[in-house]
Protein backbone atom coordinates (compact mmCIF):
# COMPACT_ATOMS: atom_id res chain seq x y z
CA MET A 1 64.60 -183.31 36.09
CA ALA A 2 62.29 -182.77 32.93
CA ASN A 3 63.15 -183.77 29.59
CA VAL A 4 63.97 -181.36 26.81
CA THR A 5 62.04 -181.44 23.77
CA LYS A 6 62.88 -180.64 20.19
CA LYS A 7 60.91 -177.60 20.61
CA ASP A 8 63.06 -176.37 23.46
CA ILE A 9 66.13 -177.10 21.57
CA VAL A 10 64.84 -175.09 18.56
CA GLU A 11 63.91 -172.23 20.99
CA GLU A 12 67.25 -172.04 22.60
CA ILE A 13 69.11 -172.33 19.47
CA ALA A 14 67.12 -169.54 17.74
CA ARG A 15 67.71 -167.33 20.93
CA ARG A 16 71.40 -167.60 20.64
CA THR A 17 72.09 -167.47 16.92
CA GLY A 18 69.18 -164.85 16.23
CA MET A 19 67.99 -167.25 13.50
CA THR A 20 64.09 -167.57 13.11
CA GLN A 21 62.72 -170.68 14.86
CA ALA A 22 61.42 -171.75 11.58
CA GLU A 23 64.91 -171.68 10.20
CA THR A 24 66.15 -173.09 13.27
CA LYS A 25 63.70 -176.03 13.25
CA ALA A 26 64.40 -176.76 9.54
CA VAL A 27 68.44 -177.10 10.39
CA LEU A 28 67.49 -179.33 13.35
CA GLU A 29 65.42 -181.48 11.49
CA GLY A 30 67.96 -181.65 8.51
CA LEU A 31 70.43 -182.66 11.16
CA LEU A 32 68.08 -185.17 12.49
CA ASP A 33 67.29 -186.86 9.08
CA ALA A 34 70.91 -186.77 7.83
CA ILE A 35 71.97 -188.83 11.24
CA SER A 36 69.02 -191.34 10.66
CA SER A 37 69.92 -191.66 7.21
CA THR A 38 73.07 -192.35 7.74
CA LEU A 39 72.84 -194.91 10.43
CA ARG A 40 70.16 -196.44 8.28
CA ASP A 41 72.82 -196.96 5.41
CA GLY A 42 74.75 -198.57 8.24
CA ARG A 43 77.35 -195.92 8.61
CA ASN A 44 78.81 -194.51 11.75
CA ILE A 45 78.55 -190.59 12.62
CA GLU A 46 81.45 -188.95 14.60
CA ILE A 47 81.34 -185.53 15.91
CA ARG A 48 84.69 -184.57 17.54
CA GLY A 49 84.31 -183.45 21.05
CA PHE A 50 80.83 -184.70 21.48
CA GLY A 51 80.55 -188.20 20.47
CA ARG A 52 79.72 -191.07 17.95
CA PHE A 53 76.48 -192.46 16.81
CA LYS A 54 76.77 -196.02 15.92
CA VAL A 55 74.76 -198.96 14.59
CA ARG A 56 75.04 -202.22 16.62
CA VAL A 57 73.51 -205.43 14.88
CA ARG A 58 72.08 -207.64 17.54
CA ARG A 59 71.95 -211.43 16.74
CA ALA A 60 68.67 -213.56 17.26
CA ARG A 61 68.79 -215.36 20.55
CA THR A 62 66.95 -217.53 22.96
CA ALA A 63 65.89 -215.64 26.15
CA ARG A 64 63.88 -216.76 29.38
CA ASN A 65 60.89 -215.24 30.28
CA PRO A 66 61.48 -214.14 33.93
CA ARG A 67 57.83 -214.74 34.88
CA THR A 68 57.23 -217.96 33.65
CA GLY A 69 60.71 -219.32 32.88
CA GLU A 70 59.55 -220.38 29.50
CA LEU A 71 62.24 -220.13 26.83
CA VAL A 72 61.39 -217.46 24.05
CA GLN A 73 63.13 -216.63 20.58
CA VAL A 74 63.99 -212.80 20.54
CA GLU A 75 64.54 -211.62 16.84
CA GLY A 76 67.78 -209.92 15.81
CA GLY A 77 67.78 -206.30 14.66
CA VAL A 78 69.73 -203.28 14.43
CA LYS A 79 70.15 -200.96 17.26
CA PRO A 80 71.42 -197.19 17.22
CA VAL A 81 73.83 -196.38 19.96
CA PHE A 82 75.55 -193.14 21.28
CA GLU A 83 79.08 -193.21 22.68
CA ALA A 84 79.94 -190.14 24.27
CA SER A 85 83.44 -188.56 23.70
CA ARG A 86 86.06 -188.31 26.45
CA GLU A 87 85.44 -184.45 26.57
CA LEU A 88 81.64 -184.77 27.01
CA LYS A 89 82.22 -187.33 29.79
CA ALA A 90 84.71 -185.09 31.39
CA LEU A 91 82.32 -182.16 31.19
CA LEU A 92 79.51 -184.55 32.76
CA ASN A 93 81.69 -185.87 35.55
CA SER A 94 83.72 -182.47 36.20
CA GLY A 95 81.89 -181.86 39.67
CA GLU A 96 80.40 -178.58 38.50
CA ASN A 97 76.49 -178.67 37.21
CA PRO A 98 76.93 -180.30 34.09
CA LEU A 99 73.91 -178.70 32.26
CA GLN A 100 75.24 -175.28 33.34
CA ALA A 101 78.83 -176.39 31.92
CA LEU A 102 77.25 -177.49 28.70
CA GLN A 103 75.24 -174.43 28.39
CA ASP A 104 78.22 -172.20 29.06
CA ALA A 105 80.06 -174.19 26.42
CA ILE A 106 77.53 -173.63 23.77
CA LYS A 107 77.27 -169.91 24.81
CA ALA A 108 80.88 -169.34 24.40
CA SER A 109 80.59 -170.73 20.74
CA ALA A 110 77.36 -168.99 20.06
CA PRO A 111 78.94 -165.68 18.76
CA GLU A 112 80.82 -167.49 16.21
CA ILE A 113 77.86 -169.28 14.89
CA SER A 114 75.79 -166.17 14.68
CA LYS A 115 78.76 -164.35 12.68
CA THR A 116 78.66 -167.21 10.21
CA PRO A 117 76.77 -166.12 6.96
CA ALA A 118 74.05 -168.43 6.10
CA ALA A 119 74.46 -170.31 3.35
CA GLY A 120 71.74 -170.25 0.79
């Protein structure tokens, strides 16, 4: 299974909505910037029906190097986490091709998106 890149997402959204790839890329980058800055501020993001982006604080701890058995100090830090919604989990576990089901769900909402006038 190949990875999907940002370029692939931009092309797919542009194709479905009729927006140009440049417009779509600007919207996608704006979304990613908003998610990043919100998480950097320590706030969570909830997208109903999709999932939640959260920040977890990891405490500093002592671990063991598996090769040498030596004790090592591991620094604490902040870790971004994504938790899928029940709906997304159900979609992925429905027995049908999850990627096709997700694409079909997006296609079903695409006409609504393309009819929405652009703000600006």
